[in-house]
Amino acid sequence: MHPNREFLFKHPAHLIAFGFGAGLIPKAPGTWGTLVAIPLYFLALAIGGTSAVLAFALLFFVAGIWASAVTGRNLGVADHGGIVVDEIAAFILVLAFTPPGLFWLFAAFVLFRIFDIVKPWPISYFDRTLKGGFGVMFDDLLAALGAIALMLILRSFVSEVSL
């Protein structure tokens, strides 16, 4: 089944799992899903700072477990490429640890996408072995942690960059 706009609105889980429609974009849906996280990050930041950003990441992670499970079951594909809530939750988490400035936003985006696409060990292991909604979400959480770690290392070498 190729999901379409009609599918998106058949169940609230589909809307969440497909990143409010970003997952329907045929080319690079994971990248588009990652981009959806940026305005959500700024919304959370405006609402309550870093605490709200972390709460948003947790909310999307928990909702993503449910939404991914329901949507995967309805599609007959546990981890359909259009399910992008995992990228949204994970990248919001990455942004919580990202220094201010366009350079760091871009660096965070690139690092996260690399970890999410390449899936170095142990991400690849969990991507293969964990199934269901939690499995969909967990490998992206690990990709986020890898991106955060590399960004913090990079930050220690790059002084005061804020474009």
Protein backbone atom coordinates (compact mmCIF):
# COMPACT_ATOMS: atom_id res chain seq x y z
CA MET A 1 0.00 0.00 0.00
CA HIS A 2 1.26 3.45 -0.91
CA PRO A 3 -0.07 5.87 1.71
CA ASN A 4 -1.75 9.01 0.47
CA ARG A 5 -3.47 12.04 1.93
CA GLU A 6 -6.65 10.05 2.53
CA PHE A 7 -4.68 7.47 4.54
CA LEU A 8 -3.08 10.27 6.56
CA PHE A 9 -6.46 11.39 7.94
CA LYS A 10 -8.00 7.93 8.52
CA HIS A 11 -6.49 7.73 12.01
CA PRO A 12 -4.74 10.25 14.28
CA ALA A 13 -1.80 7.83 14.58
CA HIS A 14 -1.19 8.10 10.83
CA LEU A 15 -1.02 11.89 11.00
CA ILE A 16 1.52 11.73 13.84
CA ALA A 17 3.56 8.86 12.37
CA PHE A 18 3.78 10.55 8.98
CA GLY A 19 4.94 13.82 10.53
CA PHE A 20 1.79 15.77 9.70
CA GLY A 21 2.28 14.88 6.04
CA ALA A 22 6.07 15.16 5.65
CA GLY A 23 6.31 11.39 5.34
CA LEU A 24 4.16 11.48 2.20
CA ILE A 25 6.88 13.37 0.29
CA PRO A 26 8.24 10.69 -2.05
CA LYS A 27 11.91 11.75 -2.04
CA ALA A 28 13.83 11.61 1.27
CA PRO A 29 10.88 11.53 3.70
CA GLY A 30 13.25 11.10 6.67
CA THR A 31 15.00 14.32 5.78
CA TRP A 32 11.68 16.14 5.50
CA GLY A 33 10.60 14.66 8.83
CA THR A 34 13.81 15.92 10.40
CA LEU A 35 13.02 19.41 9.09
CA VAL A 36 9.56 19.26 10.72
CA ALA A 37 11.34 19.12 14.08
CA ILE A 38 12.84 22.60 13.64
CA PRO A 39 9.66 24.71 14.03
CA LEU A 40 8.50 22.37 16.81
CA TYR A 41 11.82 22.97 18.58
CA PHE A 42 11.42 26.75 18.34
CA LEU A 43 7.82 26.50 19.53
CA ALA A 44 8.88 24.48 22.57
CA LEU A 45 11.77 26.84 23.24
CA ALA A 46 9.40 29.81 23.19
CA ILE A 47 6.95 28.03 25.49
CA GLY A 48 9.39 27.05 28.20
CA GLY A 49 13.03 26.90 27.19
CA THR A 50 15.14 23.77 27.21
CA SER A 51 12.82 22.00 29.67
CA ALA A 52 9.94 22.36 27.24
CA VAL A 53 12.14 21.18 24.36
CA LEU A 54 13.04 18.03 26.31
CA ALA A 55 9.36 17.54 27.18
CA PHE A 56 8.44 17.85 23.47
CA ALA A 57 11.10 15.27 22.58
CA LEU A 58 9.72 12.88 25.21
CA LEU A 59 6.13 13.53 24.13
CA PHE A 60 6.96 12.82 20.48
CA PHE A 61 8.96 9.74 21.46
CA VAL A 62 6.10 8.23 23.49
CA ALA A 63 3.42 9.27 20.97
CA GLY A 64 5.69 7.94 18.23
CA ILE A 65 5.83 4.47 19.76
CA TRP A 66 2.04 4.29 19.64
CA ALA A 67 1.62 6.04 16.28
CA SER A 68 4.32 3.95 14.58
CA ALA A 69 2.85 0.70 15.88
CA VAL A 70 -0.69 1.55 14.74
CA THR A 71 0.42 2.92 11.38
CA GLY A 72 2.82 0.05 10.70
CA ARG A 73 0.08 -2.45 11.50
CA ASN A 74 -2.40 -0.63 9.23
CA LEU A 75 0.13 -0.49 6.39
CA GLY A 76 1.36 -4.03 6.89
CA VAL A 77 4.93 -2.67 7.06
CA ALA A 78 6.40 -2.25 10.55
CA ASP A 79 8.87 0.51 9.64
CA HIS A 80 7.51 2.12 6.49
CA GLY A 81 9.78 4.83 5.07
CA GLY A 82 7.01 7.40 5.41
CA ILE A 83 6.91 7.00 9.19
CA VAL A 84 8.99 10.01 10.24
CA VAL A 85 7.89 10.71 13.79
CA ASP A 86 11.08 8.94 14.87
CA GLU A 87 13.16 11.59 13.08
CA ILE A 88 11.03 14.36 14.58
CA ALA A 89 11.39 13.17 18.18
CA ALA A 90 15.09 12.41 17.80
CA PHE A 91 15.99 15.69 16.14
CA ILE A 92 14.09 17.72 18.73
CA LEU A 93 16.31 15.98 21.29
CA VAL A 94 19.42 16.84 19.28
CA LEU A 95 18.34 20.48 19.09
CA ALA A 96 17.99 20.61 22.88
CA PHE A 97 21.79 20.19 23.02
CA THR A 98 22.63 22.34 20.00
CA PRO A 99 24.39 25.66 20.59
CA PRO A 100 22.60 28.71 19.15
CA GLY A 101 23.31 29.85 15.61
CA LEU A 102 22.76 28.71 12.04
CA PHE A 103 26.15 26.98 11.88
CA TRP A 104 25.22 24.72 14.79
CA LEU A 105 21.69 24.11 13.49
CA PHE A 106 23.17 23.00 10.16
CA ALA A 107 25.87 20.91 11.89
CA ALA A 108 23.25 19.23 14.08
CA PHE A 109 21.07 18.47 11.05
CA VAL A 110 23.94 16.98 9.03
CA LEU A 111 25.29 14.92 11.94
CA PHE A 112 21.88 13.52 12.80
CA ARG A 113 21.08 12.65 9.18
CA ILE A 114 24.44 10.88 8.83
CA PHE A 115 23.83 8.76 11.94
CA ASP A 116 20.24 8.06 10.88
CA ILE A 117 21.14 7.04 7.32
CA VAL A 118 24.44 5.20 7.90
CA LYS A 119 23.30 3.55 11.13
CA PRO A 120 26.73 2.66 12.57
CA TRP A 121 26.88 -0.04 15.24
CA PRO A 122 25.02 -0.31 17.65
CA ILE A 123 22.29 1.61 15.80
CA SER A 124 22.25 -0.95 12.97
CA TYR A 125 21.96 -3.81 15.46
CA PHE A 126 18.89 -2.33 17.16
CA ASP A 127 17.40 -1.30 13.82
CA ARG A 128 17.53 -4.98 12.75
CA THR A 129 16.47 -6.59 16.01
CA LEU A 130 13.91 -4.33 17.69
CA LYS A 131 10.50 -4.36 16.07
CA GLY A 132 7.19 -2.60 16.56
CA GLY A 133 6.68 1.00 17.56
CA PHE A 134 9.50 1.00 20.09
CA GLY A 135 11.91 -0.42 17.51
CA VAL A 136 10.98 2.29 15.01
CA MET A 137 11.72 4.98 17.59
CA PHE A 138 14.75 3.51 19.38
CA ASP A 139 17.31 3.45 16.56
CA ASP A 140 16.65 7.15 15.92
CA LEU A 141 17.12 7.88 19.61
CA LEU A 142 20.55 6.24 19.33
CA ALA A 143 21.28 8.28 16.19
CA ALA A 144 20.37 11.40 18.16
CA LEU A 145 22.75 10.46 20.97
CA GLY A 146 25.55 9.89 18.46
CA ALA A 147 24.90 13.26 16.81
CA ILE A 148 24.82 15.01 20.20
CA ALA A 149 28.11 13.41 21.24
CA LEU A 150 29.87 14.38 18.01
CA MET A 151 28.44 17.88 18.14
CA LEU A 152 29.72 18.38 21.69
CA ILE A 153 33.15 17.16 20.59
CA LEU A 154 33.03 19.48 17.56
CA ARG A 155 32.00 22.36 19.79
CA SER A 156 35.11 21.88 21.92
CA PHE A 157 37.24 22.42 18.79
CA VAL A 158 35.26 25.25 17.22
CA SER A 159 35.23 28.45 19.22
CA GLU A 160 32.38 30.90 19.17
CA VAL A 161 30.78 30.21 15.82
CA SER A 162 27.34 31.77 15.56
CA LEU A 163 26.09 32.73 12.14
